[in-house]
Amino acid sequence: MTVDMDRNVVLRGEAELVERAGRLFLAREEFACAATDLNTWALPGFRERLVAERRRIRPRPPSYKLHNPAALADEESERHLVEMARAGTRVRICATPLPHETIIVDRRVAILAGPPEAGVREYTVVRSPSVVKGVVSLFWATWETAIELADYRRDRPPALTDESRRILRLLAGGLKDEAAARQLGMSLRTYRRRVAEILTLLDAGSRFQAGLRAHELGLIG
């Protein structure tokens, strides 16, 4: 079953959304999304499959993400946004409260997500040109008042976990990777992966730069 192209429909749950409207997420001209945070999908693997499919589209359409500061509330979410921005997505942070999630595809389709009720979320797929135009206008009006992710993060310390702070202290202390991994009870591979993730959050190209940045932000003494 496919979404009727001539009317708006309400779909219940992510499985029905993916089954009936999943193809609508593949923008050819422009993809825009506004959401409070990144906790918008519970369906395993769909976000990853969607990203992989988008990357195969050539030329790749411009992508815009608009979030509230809540999207930077934890280390994993902040790192995801930073990596997304590095990959070419424009990301901005705004103080204006945003709905759970609004997706606009090619300025022709809007997908409006409601809050979960009894564990199920409703999605309204809008194709009415006048309604889509209004959603697009609201998105760009909010976008213009928002701050680029890099500017928003510039003087703010990232939301590091206690483990990440311990790793930073070990790096600052000059401990070799093998000894640091052993002290933290993790494999050498995991330790080096975690160090790379911390460097991403600190916008550092090297461990030395990460140390300087950590001192600047007061993350280590």
C-alpha atoms as a PDB file:
ATOM      1  CA  MET A   1       0.000   0.000   0.000  1.00  0.00           C
ATOM      2  CA  THR A   2       1.247   3.490  -0.796  1.00  0.00           C
ATOM      3  CA  VAL A   3       0.328   6.942   0.392  1.00  0.00           C
ATOM      4  CA  ASP A   4      -2.388   8.560  -1.701  1.00  0.00           C
ATOM      5  CA  MET A   5      -0.571  11.362  -3.501  1.00  0.00           C
ATOM      6  CA  ASP A   6      -3.671  13.585  -3.533  1.00  0.00           C
ATOM      7  CA  ARG A   7      -4.505  13.770   0.155  1.00  0.00           C
ATOM      8  CA  ASN A   8      -3.048  14.029   3.636  1.00  0.00           C
ATOM      9  CA  VAL A   9      -2.937  10.879   5.739  1.00  0.00           C
ATOM     10  CA  VAL A  10      -2.360  10.010   9.388  1.00  0.00           C
ATOM     11  CA  LEU A  11      -0.206   6.960  10.051  1.00  0.00           C
ATOM     12  CA  ARG A  12       0.151   5.229  13.407  1.00  0.00           C
ATOM     13  CA  GLY A  13       3.558   4.064  14.486  1.00  0.00           C
ATOM     14  CA  GLU A  14       6.920   4.000  12.783  1.00  0.00           C
ATOM     15  CA  ALA A  15       6.381   0.652  11.087  1.00  0.00           C
ATOM     16  CA  GLU A  16       3.330   1.927   9.206  1.00  0.00           C
ATOM     17  CA  LEU A  17       5.139   5.176   8.382  1.00  0.00           C
ATOM     18  CA  VAL A  18       8.088   3.308   6.880  1.00  0.00           C
ATOM     19  CA  GLU A  19       5.874   0.855   5.011  1.00  0.00           C
ATOM     20  CA  ARG A  20       3.562   3.434   3.473  1.00  0.00           C
ATOM     21  CA  ALA A  21       5.671   6.559   3.254  1.00  0.00           C
ATOM     22  CA  GLY A  22       9.310   5.552   3.684  1.00  0.00           C
ATOM     23  CA  ARG A  23      10.189   6.457   0.103  1.00  0.00           C
ATOM     24  CA  LEU A  24       9.060  10.053   0.729  1.00  0.00           C
ATOM     25  CA  PHE A  25      12.101  10.584   2.945  1.00  0.00           C
ATOM     26  CA  LEU A  26      14.455  10.367  -0.036  1.00  0.00           C
ATOM     27  CA  ALA A  27      14.807  13.991  -1.050  1.00  0.00           C
ATOM     28  CA  ARG A  28      16.061  14.881  -4.501  1.00  0.00           C
ATOM     29  CA  GLU A  29      16.248  18.657  -4.105  1.00  0.00           C
ATOM     30  CA  GLU A  30      16.253  19.531  -0.386  1.00  0.00           C
ATOM     31  CA  PHE A  31      15.761  17.847   2.982  1.00  0.00           C
ATOM     32  CA  ALA A  32      14.886  19.838   6.107  1.00  0.00           C
ATOM     33  CA  CYS A  33      14.110  18.671   9.610  1.00  0.00           C
ATOM     34  CA  ALA A  34      13.173  20.458  12.836  1.00  0.00           C
ATOM     35  CA  ALA A  35      13.079  18.533  16.099  1.00  0.00           C
ATOM     36  CA  THR A  36      13.536  19.158  19.793  1.00  0.00           C
ATOM     37  CA  ASP A  37      16.278  16.527  20.094  1.00  0.00           C
ATOM     38  CA  LEU A  38      17.559  13.409  18.353  1.00  0.00           C
ATOM     39  CA  ASN A  39      15.285  10.954  20.154  1.00  0.00           C
ATOM     40  CA  THR A  40      12.867  10.750  17.251  1.00  0.00           C
ATOM     41  CA  TRP A  41      13.206   7.182  15.968  1.00  0.00           C
ATOM     42  CA  ALA A  42      12.825   3.961  17.902  1.00  0.00           C
ATOM     43  CA  LEU A  43      12.569   1.629  14.886  1.00  0.00           C
ATOM     44  CA  PRO A  44      15.893  -0.260  14.793  1.00  0.00           C
ATOM     45  CA  GLY A  45      18.115   0.564  11.868  1.00  0.00           C
ATOM     46  CA  PHE A  46      15.755   2.821   9.913  1.00  0.00           C
ATOM     47  CA  ARG A  47      17.744   6.029  10.427  1.00  0.00           C
ATOM     48  CA  GLU A  48      20.938   4.252   9.333  1.00  0.00           C
ATOM     49  CA  ARG A  49      19.311   2.724   6.236  1.00  0.00           C
ATOM     50  CA  LEU A  50      17.816   6.076   5.324  1.00  0.00           C
ATOM     51  CA  VAL A  51      21.170   7.847   5.615  1.00  0.00           C
ATOM     52  CA  ALA A  52      22.827   5.161   3.491  1.00  0.00           C
ATOM     53  CA  GLU A  53      20.180   5.503   0.786  1.00  0.00           C
ATOM     54  CA  ARG A  54      20.452   9.298   0.783  1.00  0.00           C
ATOM     55  CA  ARG A  55      24.202   9.075   0.261  1.00  0.00           C
ATOM     56  CA  ARG A  56      23.633   7.152  -2.955  1.00  0.00           C
ATOM     57  CA  ILE A  57      21.609  10.004  -4.440  1.00  0.00           C
ATOM     58  CA  ARG A  58      23.705  12.110  -6.806  1.00  0.00           C
ATOM     59  CA  PRO A  59      24.035  14.994  -6.716  1.00  0.00           C
ATOM     60  CA  ARG A  60      23.376  14.946  -2.995  1.00  0.00           C
ATOM     61  CA  PRO A  61      20.630  17.436  -2.105  1.00  0.00           C
ATOM     62  CA  PRO A  62      21.315  20.051   0.591  1.00  0.00           C
ATOM     63  CA  SER A  63      20.212  19.006   4.055  1.00  0.00           C
ATOM     64  CA  TYR A  64      19.204  21.232   6.976  1.00  0.00           C
ATOM     65  CA  LYS A  65      18.703  20.277  10.622  1.00  0.00           C
ATOM     66  CA  LEU A  66      17.189  22.549  13.248  1.00  0.00           C
ATOM     67  CA  HIS A  67      17.249  21.531  16.914  1.00  0.00           C
ATOM     68  CA  ASN A  68      16.740  22.871  20.394  1.00  0.00           C
ATOM     69  CA  PRO A  69      19.673  22.852  22.863  1.00  0.00           C
ATOM     70  CA  ALA A  70      18.264  19.564  24.225  1.00  0.00           C
ATOM     71  CA  ALA A  71      19.878  17.898  21.203  1.00  0.00           C
ATOM     72  CA  LEU A  72      23.251  18.610  22.840  1.00  0.00           C
ATOM     73  CA  ALA A  73      22.289  17.286  26.251  1.00  0.00           C
ATOM     74  CA  ASP A  74      24.371  14.119  26.059  1.00  0.00           C
ATOM     75  CA  GLU A  75      27.708  13.160  24.564  1.00  0.00           C
ATOM     76  CA  GLU A  76      26.410  10.739  21.946  1.00  0.00           C
ATOM     77  CA  SER A  77      23.828  13.165  20.567  1.00  0.00           C
ATOM     78  CA  GLU A  78      26.264  16.071  20.430  1.00  0.00           C
ATOM     79  CA  ARG A  79      28.878  13.974  18.654  1.00  0.00           C
ATOM     80  CA  HIS A  80      26.254  12.795  16.157  1.00  0.00           C
ATOM     81  CA  LEU A  81      25.376  16.401  15.303  1.00  0.00           C
ATOM     82  CA  VAL A  82      29.032  17.375  14.963  1.00  0.00           C
ATOM     83  CA  GLU A  83      29.698  14.441  12.634  1.00  0.00           C
ATOM     84  CA  MET A  84      26.572  15.282  10.638  1.00  0.00           C
ATOM     85  CA  ALA A  85      27.752  18.865  10.205  1.00  0.00           C
ATOM     86  CA  ARG A  86      31.198  17.686   9.120  1.00  0.00           C
ATOM     87  CA  ALA A  87      29.529  15.500   6.488  1.00  0.00           C
ATOM     88  CA  GLY A  88      27.870  18.549   4.961  1.00  0.00           C
ATOM     89  CA  THR A  89      24.524  18.925   6.723  1.00  0.00           C
ATOM     90  CA  ARG A  90      23.739  22.464   7.868  1.00  0.00           C
ATOM     91  CA  VAL A  91      22.868  22.297  11.565  1.00  0.00           C
ATOM     92  CA  ARG A  92      21.519  25.141  13.656  1.00  0.00           C
ATOM     93  CA  ILE A  93      20.404  25.417  17.280  1.00  0.00           C
ATOM     94  CA  CYS A  94      17.460  27.600  18.288  1.00  0.00           C
ATOM     95  CA  ALA A  95      15.874  28.666  21.545  1.00  0.00           C
ATOM     96  CA  THR A  96      12.366  28.635  20.073  1.00  0.00           C
ATOM     97  CA  PRO A  97      10.537  25.499  21.267  1.00  0.00           C
ATOM     98  CA  LEU A  98      10.204  23.044  18.386  1.00  0.00           C
ATOM     99  CA  PRO A  99       7.628  20.299  17.819  1.00  0.00           C
ATOM    100  CA  HIS A 100       8.632  16.683  18.340  1.00  0.00           C
ATOM    101  CA  GLU A 101       9.708  16.447  14.716  1.00  0.00           C
ATOM    102  CA  THR A 102       8.819  18.059  11.399  1.00  0.00           C
ATOM    103  CA  ILE A 103      10.357  16.838   8.158  1.00  0.00           C
ATOM    104  CA  ILE A 104      10.106  18.671   4.846  1.00  0.00           C
ATOM    105  CA  VAL A 105      11.095  16.893   1.638  1.00  0.00           C
ATOM    106  CA  ASP A 106      11.735  18.898  -1.536  1.00  0.00           C
ATOM    107  CA  ARG A 107       9.313  21.560  -0.218  1.00  0.00           C
ATOM    108  CA  ARG A 108       6.508  19.327  -1.505  1.00  0.00           C
ATOM    109  CA  VAL A 109       5.833  16.978   1.391  1.00  0.00           C
ATOM    110  CA  ALA A 110       5.778  17.594   5.149  1.00  0.00           C
ATOM    111  CA  ILE A 111       5.795  14.797   7.721  1.00  0.00           C
ATOM    112  CA  LEU A 112       4.603  15.944  11.137  1.00  0.00           C
ATOM    113  CA  ALA A 113       5.317  13.693  14.101  1.00  0.00           C
ATOM    114  CA  GLY A 114       3.219  13.848  17.240  1.00  0.00           C
ATOM    115  CA  PRO A 115       4.301  12.893  20.760  1.00  0.00           C
ATOM    116  CA  PRO A 116       4.046   9.219  21.763  1.00  0.00           C
ATOM    117  CA  GLU A 117       0.715   8.156  23.220  1.00  0.00           C
ATOM    118  CA  ALA A 118       0.561   4.746  24.872  1.00  0.00           C
ATOM    119  CA  GLY A 119       3.908   4.029  23.214  1.00  0.00           C
ATOM    120  CA  VAL A 120       2.665   4.835  19.699  1.00  0.00           C
ATOM    121  CA  ARG A 121       3.366   8.012  17.743  1.00  0.00           C
ATOM    122  CA  GLU A 122       1.142   9.399  15.009  1.00  0.00           C
ATOM    123  CA  TYR A 123       2.616  10.851  11.819  1.00  0.00           C
ATOM    124  CA  THR A 124       0.678  13.172   9.545  1.00  0.00           C
ATOM    125  CA  VAL A 125       1.908  13.067   5.961  1.00  0.00           C
ATOM    126  CA  VAL A 126       0.928  16.375   4.365  1.00  0.00           C
ATOM    127  CA  ARG A 127       0.838  16.922   0.604  1.00  0.00           C
ATOM    128  CA  SER A 128      -1.596  19.840   0.495  1.00  0.00           C
ATOM    129  CA  PRO A 129       0.451  22.593  -1.232  1.00  0.00           C
ATOM    130  CA  SER A 130      -0.932  25.422   0.908  1.00  0.00           C
ATOM    131  CA  VAL A 131      -0.240  23.586   4.171  1.00  0.00           C
ATOM    132  CA  VAL A 132       3.232  22.501   3.072  1.00  0.00           C
ATOM    133  CA  LYS A 133       3.996  26.086   2.064  1.00  0.00           C
ATOM    134  CA  GLY A 134       3.034  27.256   5.559  1.00  0.00           C
ATOM    135  CA  VAL A 135       5.239  24.618   7.207  1.00  0.00           C
ATOM    136  CA  VAL A 136       8.139  25.582   4.947  1.00  0.00           C
ATOM    137  CA  SER A 137       7.711  29.271   5.819  1.00  0.00           C
ATOM    138  CA  LEU A 138       7.714  28.528   9.553  1.00  0.00           C
ATOM    139  CA  PHE A 139      10.817  26.374   9.227  1.00  0.00           C
ATOM    140  CA  TRP A 140      12.842  29.037   7.429  1.00  0.00           C
ATOM    141  CA  ALA A 141      11.627  31.849   9.668  1.00  0.00           C
ATOM    142  CA  THR A 142      12.872  29.855  12.670  1.00  0.00           C
ATOM    143  CA  TRP A 143      16.076  28.909  10.855  1.00  0.00           C
ATOM    144  CA  GLU A 144      16.946  32.570  10.349  1.00  0.00           C
ATOM    145  CA  THR A 145      16.840  33.224  14.110  1.00  0.00           C
ATOM    146  CA  ALA A 146      18.879  30.118  14.987  1.00  0.00           C
ATOM    147  CA  ILE A 147      22.648  29.817  15.525  1.00  0.00           C
ATOM    148  CA  GLU A 148      25.039  27.686  13.497  1.00  0.00           C
ATOM    149  CA  LEU A 149      26.108  24.612  15.453  1.00  0.00           C
ATOM    150  CA  ALA A 150      29.810  25.537  15.430  1.00  0.00           C
ATOM    151  CA  ASP A 151      29.062  29.031  16.735  1.00  0.00           C
ATOM    152  CA  TYR A 152      26.712  27.709  19.411  1.00  0.00           C
ATOM    153  CA  ARG A 153      29.298  25.208  20.651  1.00  0.00           C
ATOM    154  CA  ARG A 154      32.351  27.460  20.417  1.00  0.00           C
ATOM    155  CA  ASP A 155      32.547  28.520  24.078  1.00  0.00           C
ATOM    156  CA  ARG A 156      30.432  25.755  25.574  1.00  0.00           C
ATOM    157  CA  PRO A 157      32.012  22.605  27.022  1.00  0.00           C
ATOM    158  CA  PRO A 158      30.636  19.413  25.461  1.00  0.00           C
ATOM    159  CA  ALA A 159      28.421  17.127  27.527  1.00  0.00           C
ATOM    160  CA  LEU A 160      31.122  14.604  28.378  1.00  0.00           C
ATOM    161  CA  THR A 161      30.425  11.484  30.392  1.00  0.00           C
ATOM    162  CA  ASP A 162      32.422  10.698  33.529  1.00  0.00           C
ATOM    163  CA  GLU A 163      34.310   8.090  31.521  1.00  0.00           C
ATOM    164  CA  SER A 164      35.279  10.635  28.891  1.00  0.00           C
ATOM    165  CA  ARG A 165      36.521  13.022  31.551  1.00  0.00           C
ATOM    166  CA  ARG A 166      38.662  10.231  33.008  1.00  0.00           C
ATOM    167  CA  ILE A 167      40.103   9.558  29.552  1.00  0.00           C
ATOM    168  CA  LEU A 168      40.904  13.252  29.158  1.00  0.00           C
ATOM    169  CA  ARG A 169      42.751  13.254  32.472  1.00  0.00           C
ATOM    170  CA  LEU A 170      44.757  10.196  31.442  1.00  0.00           C
ATOM    171  CA  LEU A 171      45.635  11.850  28.141  1.00  0.00           C
ATOM    172  CA  ALA A 172      46.734  14.991  29.965  1.00  0.00           C
ATOM    173  CA  GLY A 173      48.841  12.849  32.277  1.00  0.00           C
ATOM    174  CA  GLY A 174      50.730  11.383  29.324  1.00  0.00           C
ATOM    175  CA  LEU A 175      49.753   7.787  30.091  1.00  0.00           C
ATOM    176  CA  LYS A 176      50.381   5.406  27.200  1.00  0.00           C
ATOM    177  CA  ASP A 177      47.306   3.960  25.500  1.00  0.00           C
ATOM    178  CA  GLU A 178      47.924   0.411  26.699  1.00  0.00           C
ATOM    179  CA  ALA A 179      48.255   1.499  30.320  1.00  0.00           C
ATOM    180  CA  ALA A 180      45.268   3.855  30.113  1.00  0.00           C
ATOM    181  CA  ALA A 181      43.054   1.174  28.575  1.00  0.00           C
ATOM    182  CA  ARG A 182      44.108  -1.286  31.257  1.00  0.00           C
ATOM    183  CA  GLN A 183      43.394   1.230  34.014  1.00  0.00           C
ATOM    184  CA  LEU A 184      39.902   1.874  32.586  1.00  0.00           C
ATOM    185  CA  GLY A 185      39.176  -1.822  32.108  1.00  0.00           C
ATOM    186  CA  MET A 186      38.630  -1.595  28.349  1.00  0.00           C
ATOM    187  CA  SER A 187      40.322  -2.991  25.288  1.00  0.00           C
ATOM    188  CA  LEU A 188      42.985  -0.958  23.506  1.00  0.00           C
ATOM    189  CA  ARG A 189      40.739  -0.725  20.441  1.00  0.00           C
ATOM    190  CA  THR A 190      37.823   0.596  22.509  1.00  0.00           C
ATOM    191  CA  TYR A 191      40.057   3.082  24.272  1.00  0.00           C
ATOM    192  CA  ARG A 192      41.393   4.491  21.004  1.00  0.00           C
ATOM    193  CA  ARG A 193      37.865   4.684  19.592  1.00  0.00           C
ATOM    194  CA  ARG A 194      36.757   6.623  22.659  1.00  0.00           C
ATOM    195  CA  VAL A 195      39.727   8.971  22.335  1.00  0.00           C
ATOM    196  CA  ALA A 196      38.754   9.637  18.686  1.00  0.00           C
ATOM    197  CA  GLU A 197      35.183  10.383  19.771  1.00  0.00           C
ATOM    198  CA  ILE A 198      36.397  12.862  22.381  1.00  0.00           C
ATOM    199  CA  LEU A 199      38.607  14.589  19.804  1.00  0.00           C
ATOM    200  CA  THR A 200      35.524  14.992  17.600  1.00  0.00           C
ATOM    201  CA  LEU A 201      33.592  16.635  20.435  1.00  0.00           C
ATOM    202  CA  LEU A 202      36.474  18.981  21.170  1.00  0.00           C
ATOM    203  CA  ASP A 203      36.931  19.888  17.484  1.00  0.00           C
ATOM    204  CA  ALA A 204      40.548  18.815  17.885  1.00  0.00           C
ATOM    205  CA  GLY A 205      42.776  17.444  15.153  1.00  0.00           C
ATOM    206  CA  SER A 206      45.245  15.918  17.589  1.00  0.00           C
ATOM    207  CA  ARG A 207      45.536  14.833  21.198  1.00  0.00           C
ATOM    208  CA  PHE A 208      47.646  17.894  21.927  1.00  0.00           C
ATOM    209  CA  GLN A 209      44.916  20.162  20.567  1.00  0.00           C
ATOM    210  CA  ALA A 210      42.352  18.205  22.585  1.00  0.00           C
ATOM    211  CA  GLY A 211      44.344  18.887  25.745  1.00  0.00           C
ATOM    212  CA  LEU A 212      44.532  22.605  25.025  1.00  0.00           C
ATOM    213  CA  ARG A 213      40.846  22.752  24.221  1.00  0.00           C
ATOM    214  CA  ALA A 214      39.937  20.814  27.376  1.00  0.00           C
ATOM    215  CA  HIS A 215      41.916  23.300  29.482  1.00  0.00           C
ATOM    216  CA  GLU A 216      40.243  26.245  27.749  1.00  0.00           C
ATOM    217  CA  LEU A 217      36.806  24.843  28.498  1.00  0.00           C
ATOM    218  CA  GLY A 218      37.651  23.949  32.095  1.00  0.00           C
ATOM    219  CA  LEU A 219      37.179  20.225  31.527  1.00  0.00           C
ATOM    220  CA  ILE A 220      40.453  19.379  33.212  1.00  0.00           C
ATOM    221  CA  GLY A 221      42.496  21.312  35.733  1.00  0.00           C
END
